[in-house]
Amino acid sequence: MVLARVDNATLPIALGNKGISLLQSGRYEEAVKMLDQALLLDRTSNAVHDRWRYKALALQILGQPTEALASIDRALELDSNNAEAWLIKSETLPALGRLTEALDACAS
């Protein structure tokens, strides 16, 4: 077994990747916690918008639409052209009774 050295520069990357892996394996609450840790350590790299987007997806699946919407809005602030983020937003808004906005998000 090979252990990689994790330093301050690579720790957010490792935590973000772990969060995505947890999300993909259905461990949504753990994924949110891991992505939160990655976001606390790094709010400037190119991967930040992806971390917000994955966090939003996990929160949406967990039935937390208000928190999911806040996360997806943050992702869209960083990358307003991300089609996956707009899709997540359009799927989140109906749970908040915001159907017109959901349709608008689909068109974005």
PDB file of N, CA and C in Angstrom:
ATOM      1  N   MET A   1       0.834  -1.166   0.000  1.00  0.00           N
ATOM      2  CA  MET A   1       0.000   0.000   0.000  1.00  0.00           C
ATOM      3  C   MET A   1       0.884   1.236   0.000  1.00  0.00           C
ATOM      4  N   VAL A   2       0.551   2.188  -0.855  1.00  0.00           N
ATOM      5  CA  VAL A   2       1.298   3.431  -0.970  1.00  0.00           C
ATOM      6  C   VAL A   2       0.473   4.547  -0.338  1.00  0.00           C
ATOM      7  N   LEU A   3       1.082   5.248   0.577  1.00  0.00           N
ATOM      8  CA  LEU A   3       0.412   6.381   1.209  1.00  0.00           C
ATOM      9  C   LEU A   3       0.957   7.670   0.620  1.00  0.00           C
ATOM     10  N   ALA A   4       0.087   8.510   0.177  1.00  0.00           N
ATOM     11  CA  ALA A   4       0.499   9.788  -0.382  1.00  0.00           C
ATOM     12  C   ALA A   4       0.643  10.812   0.729  1.00  0.00           C
ATOM     13  N   ARG A   5       1.605  11.669   0.565  1.00  0.00           N
ATOM     14  CA  ARG A   5       1.789  12.746   1.534  1.00  0.00           C
ATOM     15  C   ARG A   5       0.772  13.843   1.228  1.00  0.00           C
ATOM     16  N   VAL A   6       0.054  14.262   2.241  1.00  0.00           N
ATOM     17  CA  VAL A   6      -0.946  15.313   2.080  1.00  0.00           C
ATOM     18  C   VAL A   6      -0.443  16.542   2.817  1.00  0.00           C
ATOM     19  N   ASP A   7      -0.345  17.666   2.092  1.00  0.00           N
ATOM     20  CA  ASP A   7       0.077  18.912   2.716  1.00  0.00           C
ATOM     21  C   ASP A   7      -1.053  19.937   2.604  1.00  0.00           C
ATOM     22  N   ASN A   8      -0.790  21.152   3.031  1.00  0.00           N
ATOM     23  CA  ASN A   8      -1.833  22.188   3.033  1.00  0.00           C
ATOM     24  C   ASN A   8      -2.377  22.475   1.646  1.00  0.00           C
ATOM     25  N   ALA A   9      -1.557  22.306   0.625  1.00  0.00           N
ATOM     26  CA  ALA A   9      -2.009  22.585  -0.733  1.00  0.00           C
ATOM     27  C   ALA A   9      -2.875  21.460  -1.285  1.00  0.00           C
ATOM     28  N   THR A  10      -2.569  20.234  -0.920  1.00  0.00           N
ATOM     29  CA  THR A  10      -3.297  19.098  -1.480  1.00  0.00           C
ATOM     30  C   THR A  10      -4.444  18.613  -0.602  1.00  0.00           C
ATOM     31  N   LEU A  11      -4.494  19.041   0.647  1.00  0.00           N
ATOM     32  CA  LEU A  11      -5.560  18.588   1.547  1.00  0.00           C
ATOM     33  C   LEU A  11      -6.954  18.946   1.037  1.00  0.00           C
ATOM     34  N   PRO A  12      -7.208  20.183   0.578  1.00  0.00           N
ATOM     35  CA  PRO A  12      -8.548  20.477   0.065  1.00  0.00           C
ATOM     36  C   PRO A  12      -8.921  19.621  -1.141  1.00  0.00           C
ATOM     37  N   ILE A  13      -7.952  19.321  -1.971  1.00  0.00           N
ATOM     38  CA  ILE A  13      -8.203  18.469  -3.135  1.00  0.00           C
ATOM     39  C   ILE A  13      -8.592  17.072  -2.675  1.00  0.00           C
ATOM     40  N   ALA A  14      -7.839  16.539  -1.713  1.00  0.00           N
ATOM     41  CA  ALA A  14      -8.131  15.198  -1.198  1.00  0.00           C
ATOM     42  C   ALA A  14      -9.502  15.150  -0.529  1.00  0.00           C
ATOM     43  N   LEU A  15      -9.822  16.178   0.262  1.00  0.00           N
ATOM     44  CA  LEU A  15     -11.122  16.216   0.929  1.00  0.00           C
ATOM     45  C   LEU A  15     -12.260  16.358  -0.076  1.00  0.00           C
ATOM     46  N   GLY A  16     -12.068  17.192  -1.081  1.00  0.00           N
ATOM     47  CA  GLY A  16     -13.079  17.352  -2.121  1.00  0.00           C
ATOM     48  C   GLY A  16     -13.317  16.065  -2.886  1.00  0.00           C
ATOM     49  N   ASN A  17     -12.223  15.395  -3.245  1.00  0.00           N
ATOM     50  CA  ASN A  17     -12.356  14.119  -3.957  1.00  0.00           C
ATOM     51  C   ASN A  17     -13.038  13.066  -3.100  1.00  0.00           C
ATOM     52  N   LYS A  18     -12.730  13.048  -1.814  1.00  0.00           N
ATOM     53  CA  LYS A  18     -13.384  12.118  -0.893  1.00  0.00           C
ATOM     54  C   LYS A  18     -14.872  12.437  -0.796  1.00  0.00           C
ATOM     55  N   GLY A  19     -15.219  13.723  -0.740  1.00  0.00           N
ATOM     56  CA  GLY A  19     -16.626  14.125  -0.691  1.00  0.00           C
ATOM     57  C   GLY A  19     -17.387  13.662  -1.918  1.00  0.00           C
ATOM     58  N   ILE A  20     -16.782  13.805  -3.081  1.00  0.00           N
ATOM     59  CA  ILE A  20     -17.417  13.350  -4.322  1.00  0.00           C
ATOM     60  C   ILE A  20     -17.588  11.845  -4.309  1.00  0.00           C
ATOM     61  N   SER A  21     -16.577  11.140  -3.841  1.00  0.00           N
ATOM     62  CA  SER A  21     -16.653   9.680  -3.744  1.00  0.00           C
ATOM     63  C   SER A  21     -17.768   9.242  -2.796  1.00  0.00           C
ATOM     64  N   LEU A  22     -17.889   9.919  -1.671  1.00  0.00           N
ATOM     65  CA  LEU A  22     -18.955   9.608  -0.718  1.00  0.00           C
ATOM     66  C   LEU A  22     -20.323   9.876  -1.336  1.00  0.00           C
ATOM     67  N   LEU A  23     -20.453  10.969  -2.063  1.00  0.00           N
ATOM     68  CA  LEU A  23     -21.704  11.286  -2.747  1.00  0.00           C
ATOM     69  C   LEU A  23     -22.073  10.174  -3.726  1.00  0.00           C
ATOM     70  N   GLN A  24     -21.096   9.748  -4.506  1.00  0.00           N
ATOM     71  CA  GLN A  24     -21.342   8.715  -5.507  1.00  0.00           C
ATOM     72  C   GLN A  24     -21.693   7.369  -4.886  1.00  0.00           C
ATOM     73  N   SER A  25     -21.267   7.154  -3.649  1.00  0.00           N
ATOM     74  CA  SER A  25     -21.577   5.886  -2.984  1.00  0.00           C
ATOM     75  C   SER A  25     -22.825   5.981  -2.101  1.00  0.00           C
ATOM     76  N   GLY A  26     -23.532   7.124  -2.178  1.00  0.00           N
ATOM     77  CA  GLY A  26     -24.781   7.251  -1.449  1.00  0.00           C
ATOM     78  C   GLY A  26     -24.639   7.661   0.001  1.00  0.00           C
ATOM     79  N   ARG A  27     -23.475   8.115   0.388  1.00  0.00           N
ATOM     80  CA  ARG A  27     -23.238   8.531   1.769  1.00  0.00           C
ATOM     81  C   ARG A  27     -23.297  10.063   1.815  1.00  0.00           C
ATOM     82  N   TYR A  28     -24.516  10.581   1.672  1.00  0.00           N
ATOM     83  CA  TYR A  28     -24.737  11.995   1.412  1.00  0.00           C
ATOM     84  C   TYR A  28     -24.363  12.906   2.577  1.00  0.00           C
ATOM     85  N   GLU A  29     -24.722  12.527   3.786  1.00  0.00           N
ATOM     86  CA  GLU A  29     -24.395  13.372   4.940  1.00  0.00           C
ATOM     87  C   GLU A  29     -22.886  13.482   5.113  1.00  0.00           C
ATOM     88  N   GLU A  30     -22.191  12.362   4.952  1.00  0.00           N
ATOM     89  CA  GLU A  30     -20.737  12.383   5.048  1.00  0.00           C
ATOM     90  C   GLU A  30     -20.133  13.207   3.919  1.00  0.00           C
ATOM     91  N   ALA A  31     -20.735  13.125   2.748  1.00  0.00           N
ATOM     92  CA  ALA A  31     -20.250  13.895   1.601  1.00  0.00           C
ATOM     93  C   ALA A  31     -20.334  15.386   1.884  1.00  0.00           C
ATOM     94  N   VAL A  32     -21.462  15.826   2.445  1.00  0.00           N
ATOM     95  CA  VAL A  32     -21.636  17.243   2.762  1.00  0.00           C
ATOM     96  C   VAL A  32     -20.560  17.691   3.747  1.00  0.00           C
ATOM     97  N   LYS A  33     -20.315  16.914   4.773  1.00  0.00           N
ATOM     98  CA  LYS A  33     -19.298  17.273   5.769  1.00  0.00           C
ATOM     99  C   LYS A  33     -17.909  17.361   5.143  1.00  0.00           C
ATOM    100  N   MET A  34     -17.587  16.416   4.285  1.00  0.00           N
ATOM    101  CA  MET A  34     -16.268  16.395   3.647  1.00  0.00           C
ATOM    102  C   MET A  34     -16.111  17.592   2.698  1.00  0.00           C
ATOM    103  N   LEU A  35     -17.157  17.882   1.931  1.00  0.00           N
ATOM    104  CA  LEU A  35     -17.100  19.015   1.016  1.00  0.00           C
ATOM    105  C   LEU A  35     -17.024  20.328   1.782  1.00  0.00           C
ATOM    106  N   ASP A  36     -17.721  20.418   2.913  1.00  0.00           N
ATOM    107  CA  ASP A  36     -17.622  21.611   3.757  1.00  0.00           C
ATOM    108  C   ASP A  36     -16.183  21.826   4.227  1.00  0.00           C
ATOM    109  N   GLN A  37     -15.522  20.743   4.633  1.00  0.00           N
ATOM    110  CA  GLN A  37     -14.133  20.857   5.078  1.00  0.00           C
ATOM    111  C   GLN A  37     -13.239  21.352   3.947  1.00  0.00           C
ATOM    112  N   ALA A  38     -13.450  20.803   2.745  1.00  0.00           N
ATOM    113  CA  ALA A  38     -12.654  21.233   1.595  1.00  0.00           C
ATOM    114  C   ALA A  38     -12.902  22.710   1.295  1.00  0.00           C
ATOM    115  N   LEU A  39     -14.156  23.147   1.390  1.00  0.00           N
ATOM    116  CA  LEU A  39     -14.489  24.545   1.127  1.00  0.00           C
ATOM    117  C   LEU A  39     -13.923  25.491   2.179  1.00  0.00           C
ATOM    118  N   LEU A  40     -13.833  25.036   3.411  1.00  0.00           N
ATOM    119  CA  LEU A  40     -13.237  25.869   4.456  1.00  0.00           C
ATOM    120  C   LEU A  40     -11.759  26.124   4.200  1.00  0.00           C
ATOM    121  N   LEU A  41     -11.091  25.127   3.636  1.00  0.00           N
ATOM    122  CA  LEU A  41      -9.653  25.228   3.418  1.00  0.00           C
ATOM    123  C   LEU A  41      -9.289  25.907   2.108  1.00  0.00           C
ATOM    124  N   ASP A  42     -10.207  25.898   1.155  1.00  0.00           N
ATOM    125  CA  ASP A  42      -9.892  26.446  -0.169  1.00  0.00           C
ATOM    126  C   ASP A  42     -11.146  27.058  -0.773  1.00  0.00           C
ATOM    127  N   ARG A  43     -11.150  28.356  -0.908  1.00  0.00           N
ATOM    128  CA  ARG A  43     -12.280  29.064  -1.519  1.00  0.00           C
ATOM    129  C   ARG A  43     -11.870  29.777  -2.797  1.00  0.00           C
ATOM    130  N   THR A  44     -10.681  29.447  -3.339  1.00  0.00           N
ATOM    131  CA  THR A  44     -10.195  30.188  -4.501  1.00  0.00           C
ATOM    132  C   THR A  44      -9.819  29.336  -5.705  1.00  0.00           C
ATOM    133  N   SER A  45      -9.628  28.057  -5.558  1.00  0.00           N
ATOM    134  CA  SER A  45      -9.158  27.245  -6.686  1.00  0.00           C
ATOM    135  C   SER A  45     -10.267  27.019  -7.712  1.00  0.00           C
ATOM    136  N   ASN A  46      -9.875  26.490  -8.846  1.00  0.00           N
ATOM    137  CA  ASN A  46     -10.835  26.204  -9.911  1.00  0.00           C
ATOM    138  C   ASN A  46     -11.852  25.141  -9.512  1.00  0.00           C
ATOM    139  N   ALA A  47     -11.550  24.332  -8.512  1.00  0.00           N
ATOM    140  CA  ALA A  47     -12.434  23.245  -8.108  1.00  0.00           C
ATOM    141  C   ALA A  47     -13.546  23.689  -7.157  1.00  0.00           C
ATOM    142  N   VAL A  48     -13.489  24.907  -6.678  1.00  0.00           N
ATOM    143  CA  VAL A  48     -14.453  25.358  -5.660  1.00  0.00           C
ATOM    144  C   VAL A  48     -15.882  25.291  -6.172  1.00  0.00           C
ATOM    145  N   HIS A  49     -16.135  25.726  -7.399  1.00  0.00           N
ATOM    146  CA  HIS A  49     -17.516  25.697  -7.899  1.00  0.00           C
ATOM    147  C   HIS A  49     -18.042  24.269  -8.000  1.00  0.00           C
ATOM    148  N   ASP A  50     -17.157  23.321  -8.311  1.00  0.00           N
ATOM    149  CA  ASP A  50     -17.587  21.919  -8.346  1.00  0.00           C
ATOM    150  C   ASP A  50     -17.958  21.427  -6.953  1.00  0.00           C
ATOM    151  N   ARG A  51     -17.183  21.819  -5.971  1.00  0.00           N
ATOM    152  CA  ARG A  51     -17.482  21.398  -4.593  1.00  0.00           C
ATOM    153  C   ARG A  51     -18.836  21.940  -4.153  1.00  0.00           C
ATOM    154  N   TRP A  52     -19.130  23.206  -4.462  1.00  0.00           N
ATOM    155  CA  TRP A  52     -20.447  23.768  -4.129  1.00  0.00           C
ATOM    156  C   TRP A  52     -21.551  23.013  -4.857  1.00  0.00           C
ATOM    157  N   ARG A  53     -21.302  22.673  -6.122  1.00  0.00           N
ATOM    158  CA  ARG A  53     -22.316  21.969  -6.918  1.00  0.00           C
ATOM    159  C   ARG A  53     -22.583  20.579  -6.351  1.00  0.00           C
ATOM    160  N   TYR A  54     -21.529  19.850  -6.009  1.00  0.00           N
ATOM    161  CA  TYR A  54     -21.717  18.518  -5.435  1.00  0.00           C
ATOM    162  C   TYR A  54     -22.382  18.588  -4.064  1.00  0.00           C
ATOM    163  N   LYS A  55     -22.028  19.598  -3.291  1.00  0.00           N
ATOM    164  CA  LYS A  55     -22.681  19.779  -1.988  1.00  0.00           C
ATOM    165  C   LYS A  55     -24.176  20.025  -2.188  1.00  0.00           C
ATOM    166  N   ALA A  56     -24.526  20.870  -3.150  1.00  0.00           N
ATOM    167  CA  ALA A  56     -25.937  21.151  -3.437  1.00  0.00           C
ATOM    168  C   ALA A  56     -26.677  19.882  -3.821  1.00  0.00           C
ATOM    169  N   LEU A  57     -26.053  19.062  -4.638  1.00  0.00           N
ATOM    170  CA  LEU A  57     -26.686  17.812  -5.056  1.00  0.00           C
ATOM    171  C   LEU A  57     -26.942  16.904  -3.855  1.00  0.00           C
ATOM    172  N   ALA A  58     -25.960  16.770  -2.979  1.00  0.00           N
ATOM    173  CA  ALA A  58     -26.130  15.933  -1.786  1.00  0.00           C
ATOM    174  C   ALA A  58     -27.243  16.476  -0.896  1.00  0.00           C
ATOM    175  N   LEU A  59     -27.270  17.786  -0.710  1.00  0.00           N
ATOM    176  CA  LEU A  59     -28.313  18.396   0.116  1.00  0.00           C
ATOM    177  C   LEU A  59     -29.695  18.217  -0.500  1.00  0.00           C
ATOM    178  N   GLN A  60     -29.760  18.321  -1.810  1.00  0.00           N
ATOM    179  CA  GLN A  60     -31.030  18.104  -2.507  1.00  0.00           C
ATOM    180  C   GLN A  60     -31.520  16.676  -2.259  1.00  0.00           C
ATOM    181  N   ILE A  61     -30.642  15.725  -2.389  1.00  0.00           N
ATOM    182  CA  ILE A  61     -31.001  14.316  -2.169  1.00  0.00           C
ATOM    183  C   ILE A  61     -31.426  14.095  -0.721  1.00  0.00           C
ATOM    184  N   LEU A  62     -30.792  14.808   0.204  1.00  0.00           N
ATOM    185  CA  LEU A  62     -31.133  14.681   1.626  1.00  0.00           C
ATOM    186  C   LEU A  62     -32.435  15.390   1.991  1.00  0.00           C
ATOM    187  N   GLY A  63     -33.063  16.038   1.019  1.00  0.00           N
ATOM    188  CA  GLY A  63     -34.324  16.717   1.285  1.00  0.00           C
ATOM    189  C   GLY A  63     -34.151  18.041   1.992  1.00  0.00           C
ATOM    190  N   GLN A  64     -33.056  18.724   1.716  1.00  0.00           N
ATOM    191  CA  GLN A  64     -32.786  20.021   2.315  1.00  0.00           C
ATOM    192  C   GLN A  64     -32.705  21.078   1.202  1.00  0.00           C
ATOM    193  N   PRO A  65     -33.855  21.409   0.597  1.00  0.00           N
ATOM    194  CA  PRO A  65     -33.826  22.277  -0.581  1.00  0.00           C
ATOM    195  C   PRO A  65     -33.333  23.695  -0.316  1.00  0.00           C
ATOM    196  N   THR A  66     -33.607  24.249   0.846  1.00  0.00           N
ATOM    197  CA  THR A  66     -33.148  25.608   1.133  1.00  0.00           C
ATOM    198  C   THR A  66     -31.623  25.659   1.151  1.00  0.00           C
ATOM    199  N   GLU A  67     -31.014  24.703   1.828  1.00  0.00           N
ATOM    200  CA  GLU A  67     -29.560  24.639   1.891  1.00  0.00           C
ATOM    201  C   GLU A  67     -28.971  24.300   0.527  1.00  0.00           C
ATOM    202  N   ALA A  68     -29.645  23.420  -0.212  1.00  0.00           N
ATOM    203  CA  ALA A  68     -29.187  23.053  -1.548  1.00  0.00           C
ATOM    204  C   ALA A  68     -29.198  24.269  -2.467  1.00  0.00           C
ATOM    205  N   LEU A  69     -30.253  25.063  -2.379  1.00  0.00           N
ATOM    206  CA  LEU A  69     -30.353  26.240  -3.218  1.00  0.00           C
ATOM    207  C   LEU A  69     -29.244  27.248  -2.899  1.00  0.00           C
ATOM    208  N   ALA A  70     -28.951  27.429  -1.628  1.00  0.00           N
ATOM    209  CA  ALA A  70     -27.867  28.346  -1.245  1.00  0.00           C
ATOM    210  C   ALA A  70     -26.534  27.870  -1.815  1.00  0.00           C
ATOM    211  N   SER A  71     -26.304  26.574  -1.783  1.00  0.00           N
ATOM    212  CA  SER A  71     -25.052  26.026  -2.311  1.00  0.00           C
ATOM    213  C   SER A  71     -24.989  26.135  -3.826  1.00  0.00           C
ATOM    214  N   ILE A  72     -26.081  25.845  -4.495  1.00  0.00           N
ATOM    215  CA  ILE A  72     -26.058  25.900  -5.954  1.00  0.00           C
ATOM    216  C   ILE A  72     -25.965  27.344  -6.433  1.00  0.00           C
ATOM    217  N   ASP A  73     -26.564  28.267  -5.708  1.00  0.00           N
ATOM    218  CA  ASP A  73     -26.407  29.681  -6.060  1.00  0.00           C
ATOM    219  C   ASP A  73     -24.952  30.113  -5.926  1.00  0.00           C
ATOM    220  N   ARG A  74     -24.286  29.608  -4.915  1.00  0.00           N
ATOM    221  CA  ARG A  74     -22.851  29.922  -4.747  1.00  0.00           C
ATOM    222  C   ARG A  74     -22.050  29.352  -5.913  1.00  0.00           C
ATOM    223  N   ALA A  75     -22.364  28.141  -6.327  1.00  0.00           N
ATOM    224  CA  ALA A  75     -21.668  27.539  -7.473  1.00  0.00           C
ATOM    225  C   ALA A  75     -21.894  28.363  -8.732  1.00  0.00           C
ATOM    226  N   LEU A  76     -23.117  28.832  -8.917  1.00  0.00           N
ATOM    227  CA  LEU A  76     -23.434  29.618 -10.111  1.00  0.00           C
ATOM    228  C   LEU A  76     -22.803  31.014 -10.074  1.00  0.00           C
ATOM    229  N   GLU A  77     -22.578  31.552  -8.884  1.00  0.00           N
ATOM    230  CA  GLU A  77     -21.837  32.811  -8.783  1.00  0.00           C
ATOM    231  C   GLU A  77     -20.424  32.647  -9.330  1.00  0.00           C
ATOM    232  N   LEU A  78     -19.864  31.478  -9.126  1.00  0.00           N
ATOM    233  CA  LEU A  78     -18.495  31.202  -9.556  1.00  0.00           C
ATOM    234  C   LEU A  78     -18.406  30.758 -11.006  1.00  0.00           C
ATOM    235  N   ASP A  79     -19.452  30.109 -11.509  1.00  0.00           N
ATOM    236  CA  ASP A  79     -19.465  29.628 -12.892  1.00  0.00           C
ATOM    237  C   ASP A  79     -20.901  29.620 -13.396  1.00  0.00           C
ATOM    238  N   SER A  80     -21.327  30.745 -13.930  1.00  0.00           N
ATOM    239  CA  SER A  80     -22.718  30.888 -14.350  1.00  0.00           C
ATOM    240  C   SER A  80     -23.044  30.129 -15.637  1.00  0.00           C
ATOM    241  N   ASN A  81     -22.049  29.543 -16.270  1.00  0.00           N
ATOM    242  CA  ASN A  81     -22.274  28.790 -17.510  1.00  0.00           C
ATOM    243  C   ASN A  81     -22.322  27.282 -17.291  1.00  0.00           C
ATOM    244  N   ASN A  82     -22.317  26.846 -16.047  1.00  0.00           N
ATOM    245  CA  ASN A  82     -22.287  25.415 -15.758  1.00  0.00           C
ATOM    246  C   ASN A  82     -23.689  24.817 -15.885  1.00  0.00           C
ATOM    247  N   ALA A  83     -23.886  24.037 -16.924  1.00  0.00           N
ATOM    248  CA  ALA A  83     -25.205  23.462 -17.220  1.00  0.00           C
ATOM    249  C   ALA A  83     -25.681  22.528 -16.107  1.00  0.00           C
ATOM    250  N   GLU A  84     -24.769  21.767 -15.525  1.00  0.00           N
ATOM    251  CA  GLU A  84     -25.161  20.851 -14.443  1.00  0.00           C
ATOM    252  C   GLU A  84     -25.675  21.630 -13.233  1.00  0.00           C
ATOM    253  N   ALA A  85     -25.053  22.755 -12.953  1.00  0.00           N
ATOM    254  CA  ALA A  85     -25.497  23.573 -11.823  1.00  0.00           C
ATOM    255  C   ALA A  85     -26.899  24.124 -12.071  1.00  0.00           C
ATOM    256  N   TRP A  86     -27.156  24.576 -13.297  1.00  0.00           N
ATOM    257  CA  TRP A  86     -28.499  25.074 -13.627  1.00  0.00           C
ATOM    258  C   TRP A  86     -29.534  23.958 -13.520  1.00  0.00           C
ATOM    259  N   LEU A  87     -29.145  22.756 -13.911  1.00  0.00           N
ATOM    260  CA  LEU A  87     -30.057  21.612 -13.801  1.00  0.00           C
ATOM    261  C   LEU A  87     -30.389  21.330 -12.336  1.00  0.00           C
ATOM    262  N   ILE A  88     -29.376  21.321 -11.485  1.00  0.00           N
ATOM    263  CA  ILE A  88     -29.606  21.089 -10.056  1.00  0.00           C
ATOM    264  C   ILE A  88     -30.520  22.178  -9.493  1.00  0.00           C
ATOM    265  N   LYS A  89     -30.291  23.420  -9.912  1.00  0.00           N
ATOM    266  CA  LYS A  89     -31.145  24.516  -9.429  1.00  0.00           C
ATOM    267  C   LYS A  89     -32.581  24.305  -9.885  1.00  0.00           C
ATOM    268  N   SER A  90     -32.758  23.922 -11.150  1.00  0.00           N
ATOM    269  CA  SER A  90     -34.121  23.728 -11.669  1.00  0.00           C
ATOM    270  C   SER A  90     -34.827  22.564 -10.997  1.00  0.00           C
ATOM    271  N   GLU A  91     -34.071  21.599 -10.495  1.00  0.00           N
ATOM    272  CA  GLU A  91     -34.664  20.465  -9.786  1.00  0.00           C
ATOM    273  C   GLU A  91     -34.919  20.777  -8.316  1.00  0.00           C
ATOM    274  N   THR A  92     -34.236  21.762  -7.772  1.00  0.00           N
ATOM    275  CA  THR A  92     -34.361  22.131  -6.358  1.00  0.00           C
ATOM    276  C   THR A  92     -35.513  23.095  -6.112  1.00  0.00           C
ATOM    277  N   LEU A  93     -35.702  24.041  -7.011  1.00  0.00           N
ATOM    278  CA  LEU A  93     -36.705  25.092  -6.804  1.00  0.00           C
ATOM    279  C   LEU A  93     -38.140  24.591  -6.615  1.00  0.00           C
ATOM    280  N   PRO A  94     -38.598  23.555  -7.327  1.00  0.00           N
ATOM    281  CA  PRO A  94     -39.984  23.102  -7.103  1.00  0.00           C
ATOM    282  C   PRO A  94     -40.253  22.658  -5.665  1.00  0.00           C
ATOM    283  N   ALA A  95     -39.248  22.119  -4.996  1.00  0.00           N
ATOM    284  CA  ALA A  95     -39.422  21.696  -3.604  1.00  0.00           C
ATOM    285  C   ALA A  95     -39.678  22.883  -2.688  1.00  0.00           C
ATOM    286  N   LEU A  96     -39.342  24.070  -3.184  1.00  0.00           N
ATOM    287  CA  LEU A  96     -39.584  25.298  -2.421  1.00  0.00           C
ATOM    288  C   LEU A  96     -40.813  26.043  -2.931  1.00  0.00           C
ATOM    289  N   GLY A  97     -41.559  25.408  -3.848  1.00  0.00           N
ATOM    290  CA  GLY A  97     -42.756  26.022  -4.409  1.00  0.00           C
ATOM    291  C   GLY A  97     -42.468  27.113  -5.417  1.00  0.00           C
ATOM    292  N   ARG A  98     -41.288  27.119  -5.984  1.00  0.00           N
ATOM    293  CA  ARG A  98     -40.868  28.178  -6.898  1.00  0.00           C
ATOM    294  C   ARG A  98     -40.799  27.632  -8.324  1.00  0.00           C
ATOM    295  N   LEU A  99     -41.969  27.291  -8.864  1.00  0.00           N
ATOM    296  CA  LEU A  99     -42.045  26.618 -10.162  1.00  0.00           C
ATOM    297  C   LEU A  99     -41.644  27.519 -11.322  1.00  0.00           C
ATOM    298  N   THR A 100     -42.048  28.756 -11.307  1.00  0.00           N
ATOM    299  CA  THR A 100     -41.691  29.669 -12.404  1.00  0.00           C
ATOM    300  C   THR A 100     -40.178  29.848 -12.485  1.00  0.00           C
ATOM    301  N   GLU A 101     -39.560  30.003 -11.338  1.00  0.00           N
ATOM    302  CA  GLU A 101     -38.095  30.139 -11.305  1.00  0.00           C
ATOM    303  C   GLU A 101     -37.418  28.856 -11.788  1.00  0.00           C
ATOM    304  N   ALA A 102     -38.021  27.707 -11.483  1.00  0.00           N
ATOM    305  CA  ALA A 102     -37.465  26.436 -11.939  1.00  0.00           C
ATOM    306  C   ALA A 102     -37.476  26.371 -13.471  1.00  0.00           C
ATOM    307  N   LEU A 103     -38.564  26.823 -14.058  1.00  0.00           N
ATOM    308  CA  LEU A 103     -38.641  26.850 -15.524  1.00  0.00           C
ATOM    309  C   LEU A 103     -37.609  27.816 -16.098  1.00  0.00           C
ATOM    310  N   ASP A 104     -37.442  28.943 -15.463  1.00  0.00           N
ATOM    311  CA  ASP A 104     -36.433  29.909 -15.913  1.00  0.00           C
ATOM    312  C   ASP A 104     -35.018  29.312 -15.811  1.00  0.00           C
ATOM    313  N   ALA A 105     -34.771  28.567 -14.762  1.00  0.00           N
ATOM    314  CA  ALA A 105     -33.458  27.944 -14.593  1.00  0.00           C
ATOM    315  C   ALA A 105     -33.204  26.917 -15.682  1.00  0.00           C
ATOM    316  N   CYS A 106     -34.250  26.220 -16.109  1.00  0.00           N
ATOM    317  CA  CYS A 106     -34.108  25.251 -17.196  1.00  0.00           C
ATOM    318  C   CYS A 106     -33.695  25.933 -18.488  1.00  0.00           C
ATOM    319  N   ALA A 107     -34.159  27.154 -18.675  1.00  0.00           N
ATOM    320  CA  ALA A 107     -33.862  27.885 -19.909  1.00  0.00           C
ATOM    321  C   ALA A 107     -32.469  28.507 -19.891  1.00  0.00           C
ATOM    322  N   SER A 108     -31.847  28.559 -18.724  1.00  0.00           N
ATOM    323  CA  SER A 108     -30.531  29.192 -18.605  1.00  0.00           C
ATOM    324  C   SER A 108     -29.430  28.313 -19.139  1.00  0.00           C
TER     325      SER A 108
END
